[in-house]
C-alpha atoms as a PDB file:
ATOM      1  CA  UNK A   1      74.285  11.672  46.130  1.00  0.00           C
ATOM      2  CA  UNK A   2      75.326   9.638  49.143  1.00  0.00           C
ATOM      3  CA  UNK A   3      78.982  10.393  48.350  1.00  0.00           C
ATOM      4  CA  UNK A   4      78.229  14.118  48.228  1.00  0.00           C
ATOM      5  CA  UNK A   5      76.437  14.005  51.594  1.00  0.00           C
ATOM      6  CA  UNK A   6      79.353  12.078  53.047  1.00  0.00           C
ATOM      7  CA  UNK A   7      81.800  14.619  51.614  1.00  0.00           C
ATOM      8  CA  UNK A   8      79.804  17.546  53.054  1.00  0.00           C
ATOM      9  CA  UNK A   9      79.615  15.883  56.455  1.00  0.00           C
ATOM     10  CA  UNK A  10      83.356  15.189  56.402  1.00  0.00           C
ATOM     11  CA  UNK A  11      84.131  18.788  55.466  1.00  0.00           C
ATOM     12  CA  UNK A  12      81.825  20.058  58.219  1.00  0.00           C
ATOM     13  CA  UNK A  13      83.546  17.878  60.818  1.00  0.00           C
ATOM     14  CA  UNK A  14      86.968  18.976  59.560  1.00  0.00           C
ATOM     15  CA  UNK A  15      85.940  22.640  59.682  1.00  0.00           C
ATOM     16  CA  UNK A  16      84.555  22.239  63.198  1.00  0.00           C
ATOM     17  CA  UNK A  17      87.733  20.571  64.401  1.00  0.00           C
ATOM     18  CA  UNK A  18      89.866  23.252  62.734  1.00  0.00           C
ATOM     19  CA  UNK A  19      87.882  26.078  64.326  1.00  0.00           C
ATOM     20  CA  UNK A  20      87.958  24.351  67.704  1.00  0.00           C
ATOM     21  CA  UNK A  21      91.721  23.905  67.478  1.00  0.00           C
ATOM     22  CA  UNK A  22      92.177  27.538  66.432  1.00  0.00           C
ATOM     23  CA  UNK A  23      89.951  28.704  69.291  1.00  0.00           C
ATOM     24  CA  UNK A  24      91.832  26.575  71.820  1.00  0.00           C
ATOM     25  CA  UNK A  25      95.139  27.861  70.465  1.00  0.00           C
ATOM     26  CA  UNK A  26      93.940  31.450  70.800  1.00  0.00           C
ATOM     27  CA  UNK A  27      92.805  30.858  74.362  1.00  0.00           C
ATOM     28  CA  UNK A  28      96.145  29.358  75.384  1.00  0.00           C
ATOM     29  CA  UNK A  29      97.864  32.702  75.068  1.00  0.00           C
ATOM     30  CA  UNK A  30      98.642  35.193  77.792  1.00  0.00           C
ATOM     31  CA  UNK A  31     100.177  38.669  77.674  1.00  0.00           C
ATOM     32  CA  UNK A  32     101.933  39.703  80.875  1.00  0.00           C
ATOM     33  CA  UNK A  33     103.778  42.766  82.146  1.00  0.00           C
ATOM     34  CA  UNK A  34     105.781  43.564  85.270  1.00  0.00           C
ATOM     35  CA  UNK A  35     106.640  47.093  86.392  1.00  0.00           C
ATOM     36  CA  UNK A  36     108.146  48.646  89.506  1.00  0.00           C
ATOM     37  CA  UNK A  37     106.411  52.014  89.371  1.00  0.00           C
ATOM     38  CA  UNK A  38     108.678  53.516  92.065  1.00  0.00           C
ATOM     39  CA  UNK A  39     105.973  54.438  94.543  1.00  0.00           C
ATOM     40  CA  UNK A  40     108.348  54.093  97.508  1.00  0.00           C
ATOM     41  CA  UNK A  41     106.970  53.792 101.053  1.00  0.00           C
ATOM     42  CA  UNK A  42     108.185  57.184 102.256  1.00  0.00           C
ATOM     43  CA  UNK A  43     108.098  58.965  98.913  1.00  0.00           C
ATOM     44  CA  UNK A  44     105.474  61.391  97.732  1.00  0.00           C
ATOM     45  CA  UNK A  45     102.748  59.435  95.991  1.00  0.00           C
ATOM     46  CA  UNK A  46     102.051  60.022  92.331  1.00  0.00           C
ATOM     47  CA  UNK A  47      98.545  61.461  92.272  1.00  0.00           C
ATOM     48  CA  UNK A  48      97.772  60.939  88.591  1.00  0.00           C
ATOM     49  CA  UNK A  49      98.189  57.339  87.422  1.00  0.00           C
ATOM     50  CA  UNK A  50      96.787  57.943  83.940  1.00  0.00           C
ATOM     51  CA  UNK A  51     100.254  58.243  82.298  1.00  0.00           C
ATOM     52  CA  UNK A  52     101.120  54.770  83.676  1.00  0.00           C
ATOM     53  CA  UNK A  53      97.798  53.406  82.410  1.00  0.00           C
ATOM     54  CA  UNK A  54      98.425  54.874  78.958  1.00  0.00           C
ATOM     55  CA  UNK A  55     101.807  53.136  78.741  1.00  0.00           C
ATOM     56  CA  UNK A  56     100.210  49.855  79.828  1.00  0.00           C
ATOM     57  CA  UNK A  57      97.303  50.153  77.399  1.00  0.00           C
ATOM     58  CA  UNK A  58      99.793  50.567  74.551  1.00  0.00           C
ATOM     59  CA  UNK A  59     100.784  46.912  75.161  1.00  0.00           C
ATOM     60  CA  UNK A  60      97.311  45.771  76.292  1.00  0.00           C
ATOM     61  CA  UNK A  61      98.536  43.075  78.722  1.00  0.00           C
ATOM     62  CA  UNK A  62      96.183  40.516  80.252  1.00  0.00           C
ATOM     63  CA  UNK A  63      97.992  40.384  83.600  1.00  0.00           C
ATOM     64  CA  UNK A  64     100.134  43.088  85.222  1.00  0.00           C
ATOM     65  CA  UNK A  65     102.451  42.617  88.217  1.00  0.00           C
ATOM     66  CA  UNK A  66     103.227  45.854  90.080  1.00  0.00           C
ATOM     67  CA  UNK A  67     105.852  46.607  92.704  1.00  0.00           C
ATOM     68  CA  UNK A  68     106.368  49.670  94.924  1.00  0.00           C
ATOM     69  CA  UNK A  69     102.723  50.573  94.540  1.00  0.00           C
ATOM     70  CA  UNK A  70     100.233  51.981  97.020  1.00  0.00           C
ATOM     71  CA  UNK A  71      96.754  50.511  97.137  1.00  0.00           C
ATOM     72  CA  UNK A  72      95.110  53.684  95.859  1.00  0.00           C
ATOM     73  CA  UNK A  73      97.575  53.779  92.957  1.00  0.00           C
ATOM     74  CA  UNK A  74      96.870  50.143  92.036  1.00  0.00           C
ATOM     75  CA  UNK A  75      93.130  50.744  92.296  1.00  0.00           C
ATOM     76  CA  UNK A  76      93.409  53.813  90.044  1.00  0.00           C
ATOM     77  CA  UNK A  77      95.410  51.847  87.468  1.00  0.00           C
ATOM     78  CA  UNK A  78      92.806  49.075  87.419  1.00  0.00           C
ATOM     79  CA  UNK A  79      90.118  51.741  86.977  1.00  0.00           C
ATOM     80  CA  UNK A  80      91.927  53.518  84.137  1.00  0.00           C
ATOM     81  CA  UNK A  81      92.520  50.208  82.339  1.00  0.00           C
ATOM     82  CA  UNK A  82      88.798  49.459  82.298  1.00  0.00           C
ATOM     83  CA  UNK A  83      87.737  51.336  79.153  1.00  0.00           C
ATOM     84  CA  UNK A  84      89.023  48.328  77.197  1.00  0.00           C
ATOM     85  CA  UNK A  85      87.752  45.577  79.545  1.00  0.00           C
ATOM     86  CA  UNK A  86      87.065  45.246  83.276  1.00  0.00           C
ATOM     87  CA  UNK A  87      90.140  44.528  85.339  1.00  0.00           C
ATOM     88  CA  UNK A  88      90.454  42.641  88.606  1.00  0.00           C
ATOM     89  CA  UNK A  89      92.847  43.650  91.373  1.00  0.00           C
ATOM     90  CA  UNK A  90      94.824  41.684  93.973  1.00  0.00           C
ATOM     91  CA  UNK A  91      96.930  43.709  96.431  1.00  0.00           C
ATOM     92  CA  UNK A  92      99.241  42.753  99.290  1.00  0.00           C
ATOM     93  CA  UNK A  93     100.866  45.366 101.532  1.00  0.00           C
ATOM     94  CA  UNK A  94     104.587  44.852 102.007  1.00  0.00           C
ATOM     95  CA  UNK A  95     106.255  47.710 103.816  1.00  0.00           C
ATOM     96  CA  UNK A  96     105.515  50.138 106.611  1.00  0.00           C
ATOM     97  CA  UNK A  97     107.028  53.581 106.449  1.00  0.00           C
ATOM     98  CA  UNK A  98     108.261  54.934 109.778  1.00  0.00           C
ATOM     99  CA  UNK A  99     109.074  58.639 109.821  1.00  0.00           C
ATOM    100  CA  UNK A 100     108.176  61.813 111.676  1.00  0.00           C
ATOM    101  CA  UNK A 101     105.559  62.831 109.144  1.00  0.00           C
ATOM    102  CA  UNK A 102     104.204  59.359 108.348  1.00  0.00           C
ATOM    103  CA  UNK A 103     104.345  57.131 111.412  1.00  0.00           C
ATOM    104  CA  UNK A 104     102.769  54.128 109.742  1.00  0.00           C
ATOM    105  CA  UNK A 105     101.632  53.402 106.211  1.00  0.00           C
ATOM    106  CA  UNK A 106     100.496  49.877 105.572  1.00  0.00           C
ATOM    107  CA  UNK A 107      99.105  50.191 102.067  1.00  0.00           C
ATOM    108  CA  UNK A 108     102.377  50.006 100.135  1.00  0.00           C
ATOM    109  CA  UNK A 109     103.424  46.787  98.460  1.00  0.00           C
ATOM    110  CA  UNK A 110     102.852  44.566  95.429  1.00  0.00           C
ATOM    111  CA  UNK A 111      99.792  44.076  93.261  1.00  0.00           C
ATOM    112  CA  UNK A 112      98.380  41.915  90.480  1.00  0.00           C
ATOM    113  CA  UNK A 113      95.932  43.374  87.987  1.00  0.00           C
ATOM    114  CA  UNK A 114      94.164  41.023  85.576  1.00  0.00           C
ATOM    115  CA  UNK A 115      91.570  41.319  82.820  1.00  0.00           C
ATOM    116  CA  UNK A 116      90.507  37.778  83.712  1.00  0.00           C
ATOM    117  CA  UNK A 117      88.904  36.747  87.020  1.00  0.00           C
ATOM    118  CA  UNK A 118      91.395  36.114  89.809  1.00  0.00           C
ATOM    119  CA  UNK A 119      91.294  34.060  92.972  1.00  0.00           C
ATOM    120  CA  UNK A 120      93.333  35.136  95.995  1.00  0.00           C
ATOM    121  CA  UNK A 121      95.929  32.635  97.158  1.00  0.00           C
ATOM    122  CA  UNK A 122      98.628  32.551  99.786  1.00  0.00           C
ATOM    123  CA  UNK A 123      98.990  32.435 103.512  1.00  0.00           C
ATOM    124  CA  UNK A 124      97.585  35.867 104.429  1.00  0.00           C
ATOM    125  CA  UNK A 125      94.091  37.283 104.262  1.00  0.00           C
ATOM    126  CA  UNK A 126      95.079  39.728 101.551  1.00  0.00           C
ATOM    127  CA  UNK A 127      96.454  37.159  99.120  1.00  0.00           C
ATOM    128  CA  UNK A 128     100.167  36.760  99.628  1.00  0.00           C
ATOM    129  CA  UNK A 129     102.897  35.365 101.835  1.00  0.00           C
ATOM    130  CA  UNK A 130     105.755  36.850 103.832  1.00  0.00           C
ATOM    131  CA  UNK A 131     109.475  36.150 103.567  1.00  0.00           C
ATOM    132  CA  UNK A 132     112.413  37.263 105.727  1.00  0.00           C
ATOM    133  CA  UNK A 133     112.696  41.081 106.038  1.00  0.00           C
ATOM    134  CA  UNK A 134     115.864  43.066 105.417  1.00  0.00           C
ATOM    135  CA  UNK A 135     117.567  43.509 108.827  1.00  0.00           C
ATOM    136  CA  UNK A 136     119.530  46.555 107.651  1.00  0.00           C
ATOM    137  CA  UNK A 137     116.381  48.551 106.911  1.00  0.00           C
ATOM    138  CA  UNK A 138     114.826  47.513 110.194  1.00  0.00           C
ATOM    139  CA  UNK A 139     117.932  48.769 112.013  1.00  0.00           C
ATOM    140  CA  UNK A 140     117.520  52.134 110.249  1.00  0.00           C
ATOM    141  CA  UNK A 141     114.001  52.514 111.626  1.00  0.00           C
ATOM    142  CA  UNK A 142     112.280  51.641 108.343  1.00  0.00           C
ATOM    143  CA  UNK A 143     111.176  48.004 108.781  1.00  0.00           C
ATOM    144  CA  UNK A 144     110.309  46.270 105.558  1.00  0.00           C
ATOM    145  CA  UNK A 145     107.869  43.389 105.606  1.00  0.00           C
ATOM    146  CA  UNK A 146     108.589  41.534 102.383  1.00  0.00           C
ATOM    147  CA  UNK A 147     105.362  40.016 101.105  1.00  0.00           C
ATOM    148  CA  UNK A 148     104.803  38.429  97.714  1.00  0.00           C
ATOM    149  CA  UNK A 149     101.407  38.962  96.086  1.00  0.00           C
ATOM    150  CA  UNK A 150      99.805  35.751  94.850  1.00  0.00           C
ATOM    151  CA  UNK A 151      96.692  35.046  92.785  1.00  0.00           C
ATOM    152  CA  UNK A 152      95.324  32.474  90.379  1.00  0.00           C
ATOM    153  CA  UNK A 153      94.083  33.825  87.049  1.00  0.00           C
ATOM    154  CA  UNK A 154      91.300  31.992  85.201  1.00  0.00           C
ATOM    155  CA  UNK A 155      91.648  32.082  81.407  1.00  0.00           C
ATOM    156  CA  UNK A 156      88.604  32.129  79.093  1.00  0.00           C
ATOM    157  CA  UNK A 157      88.948  28.371  78.468  1.00  0.00           C
ATOM    158  CA  UNK A 158      88.652  27.684  82.203  1.00  0.00           C
ATOM    159  CA  UNK A 159      92.336  26.937  82.811  1.00  0.00           C
ATOM    160  CA  UNK A 160      94.084  28.506  85.786  1.00  0.00           C
ATOM    161  CA  UNK A 161      97.528  30.117  85.887  1.00  0.00           C
ATOM    162  CA  UNK A 162      99.092  31.090  89.203  1.00  0.00           C
ATOM    163  CA  UNK A 163     100.800  34.487  89.194  1.00  0.00           C
ATOM    164  CA  UNK A 164     103.191  36.049  91.720  1.00  0.00           C
ATOM    165  CA  UNK A 165     104.339  39.657  92.039  1.00  0.00           C
ATOM    166  CA  UNK A 166     107.538  39.917  94.099  1.00  0.00           C
ATOM    167  CA  UNK A 167     109.967  42.602  95.231  1.00  0.00           C
ATOM    168  CA  UNK A 168     112.899  40.929  96.972  1.00  0.00           C
ATOM    169  CA  UNK A 169     115.917  42.576  98.592  1.00  0.00           C
ATOM    170  CA  UNK A 170     118.582  41.024  96.369  1.00  0.00           C
ATOM    171  CA  UNK A 171     121.785  43.028  96.046  1.00  0.00           C
ATOM    172  CA  UNK A 172     120.370  45.778  98.274  1.00  0.00           C
ATOM    173  CA  UNK A 173     120.641  43.609 101.376  1.00  0.00           C
ATOM    174  CA  UNK A 174     122.985  41.066 102.987  1.00  0.00           C
ATOM    175  CA  UNK A 175     123.698  38.153 100.586  1.00  0.00           C
ATOM    176  CA  UNK A 176     122.612  35.562 103.155  1.00  0.00           C
ATOM    177  CA  UNK A 177     119.281  37.315 103.612  1.00  0.00           C
ATOM    178  CA  UNK A 178     118.761  37.582  99.850  1.00  0.00           C
ATOM    179  CA  UNK A 179     119.359  33.844  99.509  1.00  0.00           C
ATOM    180  CA  UNK A 180     116.938  33.156 102.357  1.00  0.00           C
ATOM    181  CA  UNK A 181     114.229  35.235 100.674  1.00  0.00           C
ATOM    182  CA  UNK A 182     114.690  33.344  97.410  1.00  0.00           C
ATOM    183  CA  UNK A 183     114.563  29.969  99.191  1.00  0.00           C
ATOM    184  CA  UNK A 184     111.430  30.914 101.133  1.00  0.00           C
ATOM    185  CA  UNK A 185     109.719  32.152  97.955  1.00  0.00           C
ATOM    186  CA  UNK A 186     110.568  28.993  96.026  1.00  0.00           C
ATOM    187  CA  UNK A 187     109.532  26.721  98.881  1.00  0.00           C
ATOM    188  CA  UNK A 188     106.123  28.375  99.127  1.00  0.00           C
ATOM    189  CA  UNK A 189     105.575  28.227  95.380  1.00  0.00           C
ATOM    190  CA  UNK A 190     106.655  24.619  94.968  1.00  0.00           C
ATOM    191  CA  UNK A 191     104.498  23.421  97.865  1.00  0.00           C
ATOM    192  CA  UNK A 192     101.497  25.287  96.462  1.00  0.00           C
ATOM    193  CA  UNK A 193     102.059  23.864  92.991  1.00  0.00           C
ATOM    194  CA  UNK A 194     102.287  20.337  94.349  1.00  0.00           C
ATOM    195  CA  UNK A 195      98.920  20.810  96.042  1.00  0.00           C
ATOM    196  CA  UNK A 196      97.304  22.268  92.923  1.00  0.00           C
ATOM    197  CA  UNK A 197      96.577  19.259  90.773  1.00  0.00           C
ATOM    198  CA  UNK A 198      95.638  20.297  87.252  1.00  0.00           C
ATOM    199  CA  UNK A 199      97.203  23.772  87.611  1.00  0.00           C
ATOM    200  CA  UNK A 200     100.775  23.282  86.426  1.00  0.00           C
ATOM    201  CA  UNK A 201     101.442  26.778  85.083  1.00  0.00           C
ATOM    202  CA  UNK A 202     103.121  29.308  87.333  1.00  0.00           C
ATOM    203  CA  UNK A 203     104.557  32.751  86.525  1.00  0.00           C
ATOM    204  CA  UNK A 204     106.828  34.621  88.949  1.00  0.00           C
ATOM    205  CA  UNK A 205     107.346  38.288  88.054  1.00  0.00           C
ATOM    206  CA  UNK A 206     108.811  41.356  89.665  1.00  0.00           C
ATOM    207  CA  UNK A 207     111.823  43.323  90.829  1.00  0.00           C
ATOM    208  CA  UNK A 208     114.379  40.923  92.313  1.00  0.00           C
ATOM    209  CA  UNK A 209     117.278  43.375  92.694  1.00  0.00           C
ATOM    210  CA  UNK A 210     119.624  40.762  91.292  1.00  0.00           C
ATOM    211  CA  UNK A 211     121.739  40.296  88.185  1.00  0.00           C
ATOM    212  CA  UNK A 212     121.500  37.471  85.635  1.00  0.00           C
ATOM    213  CA  UNK A 213     124.020  34.664  86.038  1.00  0.00           C
ATOM    214  CA  UNK A 214     123.859  33.394  82.473  1.00  0.00           C
ATOM    215  CA  UNK A 215     123.831  34.809  78.963  1.00  0.00           C
ATOM    216  CA  UNK A 216     125.797  37.633  77.345  1.00  0.00           C
ATOM    217  CA  UNK A 217     125.039  40.094  80.148  1.00  0.00           C
ATOM    218  CA  UNK A 218     125.987  37.956  83.144  1.00  0.00           C
ATOM    219  CA  UNK A 219     127.767  39.601  86.052  1.00  0.00           C
ATOM    220  CA  UNK A 220     130.180  38.354  88.666  1.00  0.00           C
ATOM    221  CA  UNK A 221     128.556  40.377  91.444  1.00  0.00           C
ATOM    222  CA  UNK A 222     127.323  38.531  94.534  1.00  0.00           C
ATOM    223  CA  UNK A 223     123.699  39.089  93.589  1.00  0.00           C
ATOM    224  CA  UNK A 224     123.873  36.422  90.909  1.00  0.00           C
ATOM    225  CA  UNK A 225     123.516  33.801  93.656  1.00  0.00           C
ATOM    226  CA  UNK A 226     119.867  34.685  94.079  1.00  0.00           C
ATOM    227  CA  UNK A 227     119.299  34.479  90.327  1.00  0.00           C
ATOM    228  CA  UNK A 228     120.824  31.020  90.263  1.00  0.00           C
ATOM    229  CA  UNK A 229     118.580  29.938  93.109  1.00  0.00           C
ATOM    230  CA  UNK A 230     115.533  31.049  91.165  1.00  0.00           C
ATOM    231  CA  UNK A 231     116.566  29.135  88.048  1.00  0.00           C
ATOM    232  CA  UNK A 232     118.466  26.150  89.524  1.00  0.00           C
ATOM    233  CA  UNK A 233     116.981  24.761  92.678  1.00  0.00           C
ATOM    234  CA  UNK A 234     116.353  21.334  94.203  1.00  0.00           C
ATOM    235  CA  UNK A 235     119.775  19.751  93.712  1.00  0.00           C
ATOM    236  CA  UNK A 236     120.637  21.945  90.745  1.00  0.00           C
ATOM    237  CA  UNK A 237     117.502  20.884  88.867  1.00  0.00           C
ATOM    238  CA  UNK A 238     115.923  23.870  87.052  1.00  0.00           C
ATOM    239  CA  UNK A 239     112.511  24.845  88.415  1.00  0.00           C
ATOM    240  CA  UNK A 240     112.002  28.272  86.843  1.00  0.00           C
ATOM    241  CA  UNK A 241     113.307  29.626  83.562  1.00  0.00           C
ATOM    242  CA  UNK A 242     114.183  33.246  82.891  1.00  0.00           C
ATOM    243  CA  UNK A 243     111.768  34.120  80.080  1.00  0.00           C
ATOM    244  CA  UNK A 244     114.360  36.489  78.591  1.00  0.00           C
ATOM    245  CA  UNK A 245     116.505  33.459  77.703  1.00  0.00           C
ATOM    246  CA  UNK A 246     113.519  31.860  75.892  1.00  0.00           C
ATOM    247  CA  UNK A 247     112.473  34.763  73.700  1.00  0.00           C
ATOM    248  CA  UNK A 248     113.279  35.197  69.999  1.00  0.00           C
ATOM    249  CA  UNK A 249     116.651  36.838  69.509  1.00  0.00           C
ATOM    250  CA  UNK A 250     116.510  40.630  69.286  1.00  0.00           C
ATOM    251  CA  UNK A 251     119.807  42.248  68.202  1.00  0.00           C
ATOM    252  CA  UNK A 252     118.493  45.634  69.321  1.00  0.00           C
ATOM    253  CA  UNK A 253     118.048  44.629  72.961  1.00  0.00           C
ATOM    254  CA  UNK A 254     120.232  41.696  73.944  1.00  0.00           C
ATOM    255  CA  UNK A 255     120.473  42.341  77.687  1.00  0.00           C
ATOM    256  CA  UNK A 256     117.042  43.670  78.553  1.00  0.00           C
ATOM    257  CA  UNK A 257     118.360  46.226  81.021  1.00  0.00           C
ATOM    258  CA  UNK A 258     115.531  47.769  83.021  1.00  0.00           C
ATOM    259  CA  UNK A 259     116.858  50.186  85.630  1.00  0.00           C
ATOM    260  CA  UNK A 260     118.674  53.519  85.864  1.00  0.00           C
ATOM    261  CA  UNK A 261     117.929  56.859  87.546  1.00  0.00           C
ATOM    262  CA  UNK A 262     115.124  58.795  85.880  1.00  0.00           C
ATOM    263  CA  UNK A 263     117.556  61.387  84.548  1.00  0.00           C
ATOM    264  CA  UNK A 264     119.623  58.655  82.835  1.00  0.00           C
ATOM    265  CA  UNK A 265     117.799  57.648  79.634  1.00  0.00           C
ATOM    266  CA  UNK A 266     119.568  54.334  78.994  1.00  0.00           C
ATOM    267  CA  UNK A 267     119.229  51.637  81.682  1.00  0.00           C
ATOM    268  CA  UNK A 268     122.386  49.754  82.624  1.00  0.00           C
ATOM    269  CA  UNK A 269     121.244  46.826  84.795  1.00  0.00           C
ATOM    270  CA  UNK A 270     118.522  44.178  84.737  1.00  0.00           C
ATOM    271  CA  UNK A 271     116.590  43.836  87.978  1.00  0.00           C
ATOM    272  CA  UNK A 272     113.137  43.031  86.583  1.00  0.00           C
ATOM    273  CA  UNK A 273     112.258  39.514  85.469  1.00  0.00           C
ATOM    274  CA  UNK A 274     109.556  37.168  84.300  1.00  0.00           C
ATOM    275  CA  UNK A 275     110.269  33.619  85.486  1.00  0.00           C
ATOM    276  CA  UNK A 276     108.254  30.707  84.072  1.00  0.00           C
ATOM    277  CA  UNK A 277     107.770  27.371  85.823  1.00  0.00           C
ATOM    278  CA  UNK A 278     109.342  24.994  83.320  1.00  0.00           C
ATOM    279  CA  UNK A 279     106.691  22.292  83.830  1.00  0.00           C
ATOM    280  CA  UNK A 280     104.003  24.494  82.300  1.00  0.00           C
ATOM    281  CA  UNK A 281     104.957  24.066  78.650  1.00  0.00           C
ATOM    282  CA  UNK A 282     105.426  27.811  78.170  1.00  0.00           C
ATOM    283  CA  UNK A 283     106.649  29.321  74.926  1.00  0.00           C
ATOM    284  CA  UNK A 284     107.802  32.943  74.716  1.00  0.00           C
ATOM    285  CA  UNK A 285     106.585  34.354  71.410  1.00  0.00           C
ATOM    286  CA  UNK A 286     107.660  37.920  72.120  1.00  0.00           C
ATOM    287  CA  UNK A 287     109.354  39.744  74.969  1.00  0.00           C
ATOM    288  CA  UNK A 288     110.778  43.203  75.414  1.00  0.00           C
ATOM    289  CA  UNK A 289     111.962  45.807  77.829  1.00  0.00           C
ATOM    290  CA  UNK A 290     109.312  48.421  77.086  1.00  0.00           C
ATOM    291  CA  UNK A 291     110.716  51.754  75.981  1.00  0.00           C
ATOM    292  CA  UNK A 292     108.036  53.953  77.520  1.00  0.00           C
ATOM    293  CA  UNK A 293     107.231  57.249  75.897  1.00  0.00           C
ATOM    294  CA  UNK A 294     107.584  58.976  79.268  1.00  0.00           C
ATOM    295  CA  UNK A 295     110.120  58.191  81.986  1.00  0.00           C
ATOM    296  CA  UNK A 296     107.735  57.581  84.871  1.00  0.00           C
ATOM    297  CA  UNK A 297     109.891  55.415  87.145  1.00  0.00           C
ATOM    298  CA  UNK A 298     113.512  54.408  87.620  1.00  0.00           C
ATOM    299  CA  UNK A 299     112.421  51.012  86.259  1.00  0.00           C
ATOM    300  CA  UNK A 300     111.225  50.250  82.747  1.00  0.00           C
ATOM    301  CA  UNK A 301     108.434  47.674  82.447  1.00  0.00           C
ATOM    302  CA  UNK A 302     108.957  44.224  80.944  1.00  0.00           C
ATOM    303  CA  UNK A 303     106.353  42.721  78.612  1.00  0.00           C
ATOM    304  CA  UNK A 304     105.968  39.174  77.269  1.00  0.00           C
ATOM    305  CA  UNK A 305     103.539  37.293  75.040  1.00  0.00           C
ATOM    306  CA  UNK A 306     103.280  33.655  76.132  1.00  0.00           C
ATOM    307  CA  UNK A 307     101.596  30.568  74.737  1.00  0.00           C
ATOM    308  CA  UNK A 308     101.209  27.039  76.048  1.00  0.00           C
END
């Protein structure tokens, strides 16, 4: 009888440990998406954001990084995503449009939408930090204030993951300025991570306007310098890893191209990335350039399922 009680107790402990391990494993997963929705500072705003929300809901991401988005568009997307679960929004304005019809618009920039609670971070009141603007656009009368949105996301198990949504100049501006933007972004992130004891996981997502420097789809164009900075910094020691290089091999989409004009169905360049801080123990279980049912922007979104 005593042996049977001991056996039952042992099985109960084993079952409890197994369920606890399974629960912890399930909680250490995160689905992320980044998408430049093409809202442009001087462009006509898209009034109906429901088609974007439908494409996002098809993947059901936990955290979404948006670029070229107006505040009202980001707010509408967060609202339309709520039928599944409440979503939280972090927005940082990035660019002012200067034109005859719109003398100043300050609500255009980057955003982070999360199904988990978020905490604003960064050096500005709206949760972000500024890097060097593009001098060419300023000279044309359209000054661009490059700000990176920043927030910490709290997972159900209480762990925090810091998330950034960036839209850097890259190939669209002078190479020296693109390198400066990358250095300023990395410096801010690394200093913040050093101050955040117990929060080692950092995800940098967005439109970097640069080409990959490694892999089968590398390019020799000058923009690769910025990519190399993002993945090999501090005396050539890797700090971030391009998640595309960590994902399971997919023969149907080797390069992960994300951009082409809306009237060109097949993208031919990769500007949109998910970078993972390599100290966070990330694993990429699945990643894809999302083939949206509708062509809503000149960028396709990128989606990844992570575990750690």
